[in-house]
Amino acid sequence: MTFTSLVRNELDPGAVFARLGGDEFAVFFPRTPLEGAVKVVESIYDRLARTPFRFKDATRKFSASFGLACASPAETPESLKRRADEALYEAKRQGRGRFVVSG
């Protein structure tokens, strides 16, 4: 099973999952409050921890960092993406397998 398959299996039908480039992906939850998005991310982490994969004759675990941002009514898509990106880089700074919610 691939990383993208694992993530997609945890998402509700209304969520939009896309690759931004390289190893960066985005999930847009159009009708999910922040608390619901956090629960989805936690279920993704749980699923990743339970699903090893084989690479170069070794068993490995998936790892992911997430940055979450909740859109305000007047926010532009660019500023929402920027805030999510900042949260992502803070999660990466703190260590692997973490998520940070933009403040």
Protein backbone atom coordinates (compact mmCIF):
# COMPACT_ATOMS: atom_id res chain seq x y z
CA MET A 1 0.00 0.00 0.00
CA THR A 2 1.29 3.47 -0.82
CA PHE A 3 1.33 6.58 1.34
CA THR A 4 -1.34 8.22 -0.81
CA SER A 5 -3.60 5.16 -0.54
CA LEU A 6 -3.24 5.15 3.24
CA VAL A 7 -4.15 8.82 3.50
CA ARG A 8 -7.08 8.59 1.07
CA ASN A 9 -8.55 5.68 3.03
CA GLU A 10 -8.80 7.91 6.12
CA LEU A 11 -10.49 10.87 4.38
CA ASP A 12 -14.18 11.65 4.10
CA PRO A 13 -15.60 11.79 0.56
CA GLY A 14 -15.75 15.61 0.61
CA ALA A 15 -12.03 16.06 1.35
CA VAL A 16 -9.66 17.02 -1.46
CA PHE A 17 -6.21 15.38 -1.40
CA ALA A 18 -3.52 16.60 -3.79
CA ARG A 19 0.22 16.44 -4.31
CA LEU A 20 1.81 19.90 -4.24
CA GLY A 21 5.19 18.68 -5.45
CA GLY A 22 8.02 16.46 -4.29
CA ASP A 23 6.99 14.92 -1.00
CA GLU A 24 4.46 17.62 -0.09
CA PHE A 25 0.73 16.99 -0.15
CA ALA A 26 -2.32 19.00 0.86
CA VAL A 27 -5.73 18.03 2.18
CA PHE A 28 -8.59 20.50 2.00
CA PHE A 29 -11.54 19.84 4.32
CA PRO A 30 -14.24 22.18 2.93
CA ARG A 31 -16.93 21.40 5.52
CA THR A 32 -14.92 20.06 8.46
CA PRO A 33 -14.21 22.10 11.58
CA LEU A 34 -10.63 22.22 12.85
CA GLU A 35 -11.35 19.64 15.56
CA GLY A 36 -12.56 17.21 12.90
CA ALA A 37 -9.46 17.78 10.77
CA VAL A 38 -7.26 17.10 13.82
CA LYS A 39 -9.10 13.79 14.38
CA VAL A 40 -8.52 12.83 10.74
CA VAL A 41 -4.80 13.63 11.01
CA GLU A 42 -4.60 11.55 14.20
CA SER A 43 -6.28 8.63 12.41
CA ILE A 44 -3.79 9.00 9.54
CA TYR A 45 -0.89 8.83 12.03
CA ASP A 46 -2.43 5.75 13.63
CA ARG A 47 -2.82 4.07 10.24
CA LEU A 48 0.74 4.97 9.19
CA ALA A 49 2.13 3.52 12.44
CA ARG A 50 0.29 0.24 11.85
CA THR A 51 1.32 -0.14 8.20
CA PRO A 52 4.94 -1.05 7.51
CA PHE A 53 6.26 -1.17 3.95
CA ARG A 54 9.17 -2.92 2.25
CA PHE A 55 11.96 -0.88 0.69
CA LYS A 56 15.36 -2.22 -0.39
CA ASP A 57 14.82 -5.52 1.44
CA ALA A 58 13.99 -3.79 4.73
CA THR A 59 10.73 -3.19 6.54
CA ARG A 60 10.17 0.48 7.28
CA LYS A 61 7.45 2.69 8.72
CA PHE A 62 5.84 5.65 7.06
CA SER A 63 6.42 9.05 8.63
CA ALA A 64 4.66 12.34 7.97
CA SER A 65 4.51 15.88 9.27
CA PHE A 66 1.38 18.01 8.94
CA GLY A 67 0.61 21.69 9.19
CA LEU A 68 -3.05 22.56 9.81
CA ALA A 69 -4.72 25.90 9.22
CA CYS A 70 -8.37 26.83 9.53
CA ALA A 71 -9.57 29.40 6.99
CA SER A 72 -11.20 32.61 8.12
CA PRO A 73 -14.10 33.99 6.03
CA ALA A 74 -12.05 36.78 4.40
CA GLU A 75 -8.85 34.78 3.91
CA THR A 76 -7.33 34.24 0.50
CA PRO A 77 -6.26 30.76 -0.64
CA GLU A 78 -2.66 32.02 -0.77
CA SER A 79 -2.62 33.19 2.84
CA LEU A 80 -4.29 29.94 3.99
CA LYS A 81 -1.62 27.90 2.18
CA ARG A 82 1.13 30.09 3.64
CA ARG A 83 -0.15 29.58 7.20
CA ALA A 84 -0.46 25.81 6.66
CA ASP A 85 3.07 25.78 5.22
CA GLU A 86 4.43 27.68 8.23
CA ALA A 87 2.75 25.18 10.56
CA LEU A 88 4.19 22.30 8.53
CA TYR A 89 7.73 23.64 8.78
CA GLU A 90 7.28 24.14 12.52
CA ALA A 91 6.17 20.49 12.80
CA LYS A 92 9.26 19.41 10.85
CA ARG A 93 11.45 21.55 13.09
CA GLN A 94 10.02 19.80 16.16
CA GLY A 95 10.79 16.35 14.77
CA ARG A 96 9.34 13.66 12.54
CA GLY A 97 5.77 12.46 12.78
CA ARG A 98 4.18 15.56 14.26
CA PHE A 99 1.54 18.07 13.35
CA VAL A 100 1.16 21.72 14.27
CA VAL A 101 -1.99 23.81 14.10
CA SER A 102 -1.50 27.35 12.83
CA GLY A 103 -2.32 29.90 15.54
